[in-house]
């Protein structure tokens, strides 16, 4: 999977700043950050809906769509998968990091 994600990133990165007729990736970059963010939001919602349903294949499709749009967002903002991997590696070192919730006295 790592190779597939790296290949996806390279393809998306190569489309930034280009105008290729019919390229959805180029269209997203041309429309800018707001359009990219809108699509990330839409795809996130579709993942949630698909997760509530039974079909694993539908969920896989929606997660793939979200992954693609997140990749476009990363390229747009100059964030690499190595940056994300570094954060995830740091997180694996944490133990017992469940946030503690406390009761708030709503009467005060």
Protein backbone atom coordinates (compact mmCIF):
# COMPACT_ATOMS: atom_id res chain seq x y z
CA UNK A 1 0.00 0.00 0.00
CA UNK A 2 2.87 2.35 0.73
CA UNK A 3 3.98 2.24 -2.91
CA UNK A 4 0.44 2.96 -4.08
CA UNK A 5 0.16 5.99 -1.81
CA UNK A 6 3.56 7.30 -2.89
CA UNK A 7 2.58 6.84 -6.54
CA UNK A 8 -0.73 8.65 -5.92
CA UNK A 9 1.11 11.53 -4.23
CA UNK A 10 3.54 11.86 -7.15
CA UNK A 11 0.72 11.89 -9.70
CA UNK A 12 -1.26 14.48 -7.75
CA UNK A 13 1.88 16.57 -7.20
CA UNK A 14 2.66 16.48 -10.92
CA UNK A 15 -0.77 17.92 -11.73
CA UNK A 16 -0.39 20.99 -9.52
CA UNK A 17 0.20 24.07 -11.61
CA UNK A 18 -0.77 22.31 -14.83
CA UNK A 19 -3.87 22.64 -16.93
CA UNK A 20 -4.77 19.29 -18.40
CA UNK A 21 -8.19 19.32 -20.03
CA UNK A 22 -10.49 16.84 -18.31
CA UNK A 23 -8.20 16.30 -15.30
CA UNK A 24 -10.21 16.36 -12.08
CA UNK A 25 -7.03 16.88 -10.07
CA UNK A 26 -6.08 19.94 -12.12
CA UNK A 27 -9.63 21.22 -11.71
CA UNK A 28 -9.36 20.97 -7.91
CA UNK A 29 -6.05 22.83 -7.86
CA UNK A 30 -7.43 25.52 -10.19
CA UNK A 31 -10.46 26.04 -7.94
CA UNK A 32 -8.22 26.33 -4.89
CA UNK A 33 -8.16 25.45 -1.23
CA UNK A 34 -11.84 26.12 -0.50
CA UNK A 35 -12.97 23.64 -3.17
CA UNK A 36 -10.47 21.04 -1.96
CA UNK A 37 -11.66 21.47 1.63
CA UNK A 38 -15.28 21.17 0.54
CA UNK A 39 -14.52 17.88 -1.18
CA UNK A 40 -12.63 16.56 1.86
CA UNK A 41 -15.66 17.38 3.99
CA UNK A 42 -18.07 15.72 1.57
CA UNK A 43 -15.95 12.61 1.30
CA UNK A 44 -15.55 12.41 5.09
CA UNK A 45 -19.32 12.41 5.46
CA UNK A 46 -19.66 9.73 2.80
CA UNK A 47 -17.17 7.55 4.71
CA UNK A 48 -19.28 7.91 7.87
CA UNK A 49 -22.45 6.96 5.98
CA UNK A 50 -20.78 3.99 4.27
CA UNK A 51 -19.39 2.79 7.60
CA UNK A 52 -22.93 2.61 8.97
CA UNK A 53 -23.94 0.31 6.10
CA UNK A 54 -23.00 -3.34 5.65
CA UNK A 55 -21.02 -3.21 2.40
CA UNK A 56 -17.26 -3.40 2.88
CA UNK A 57 -16.74 -2.62 -0.80
CA UNK A 58 -18.75 0.61 -0.53
CA UNK A 59 -16.74 1.61 2.53
CA UNK A 60 -13.48 0.82 0.73
CA UNK A 61 -14.59 2.98 -2.22
CA UNK A 62 -15.43 5.92 0.03
CA UNK A 63 -12.18 5.63 2.00
CA UNK A 64 -10.29 5.58 -1.31
CA UNK A 65 -12.11 8.74 -2.38
CA UNK A 66 -11.29 10.42 0.92
CA UNK A 67 -7.65 9.31 0.68
CA UNK A 68 -7.40 10.82 -2.79
CA UNK A 69 -8.89 14.15 -1.68
CA UNK A 70 -6.68 14.22 1.42
CA UNK A 71 -3.71 13.67 -0.87
CA UNK A 72 -4.77 16.66 -2.98
CA UNK A 73 -5.05 18.69 0.24
CA UNK A 74 -1.58 17.59 1.34
CA UNK A 75 -0.02 18.58 -1.97
CA UNK A 76 -1.87 21.90 -1.94
CA UNK A 77 -0.56 22.71 1.55
CA UNK A 78 2.95 21.29 1.00
CA UNK A 79 2.53 18.41 3.43
CA UNK A 80 4.18 15.10 2.58
CA UNK A 81 3.26 11.61 3.65
CA UNK A 82 6.65 11.52 5.40
CA UNK A 83 5.46 14.45 7.54
CA UNK A 84 2.35 12.49 8.50
CA UNK A 85 4.32 9.30 9.09
CA UNK A 86 6.60 11.18 11.48
CA UNK A 87 3.60 12.31 13.53
CA UNK A 88 2.20 8.79 13.58
CA UNK A 89 5.55 7.34 14.63
CA UNK A 90 5.71 9.78 17.54
CA UNK A 91 2.20 8.80 18.57
CA UNK A 92 3.12 5.12 18.72
CA UNK A 93 5.53 5.99 21.53
CA UNK A 94 2.72 7.26 23.73
CA UNK A 95 1.11 4.96 26.25
CA UNK A 96 -1.86 5.75 28.41
CA UNK A 97 -2.75 8.86 26.46
CA UNK A 98 -6.50 8.53 26.86
CA UNK A 99 -7.76 11.99 27.57
CA UNK A 100 -9.34 12.25 30.96
CA UNK A 101 -12.80 13.70 31.02
CA UNK A 102 -14.02 15.55 34.04
CA UNK A 103 -17.47 16.48 35.21
CA UNK A 104 -18.28 20.15 35.07
CA UNK A 105 -20.68 21.62 37.56
CA UNK A 106 -23.11 23.33 35.22
CA UNK A 107 -24.73 25.16 38.11
CA UNK A 108 -21.69 27.28 38.88
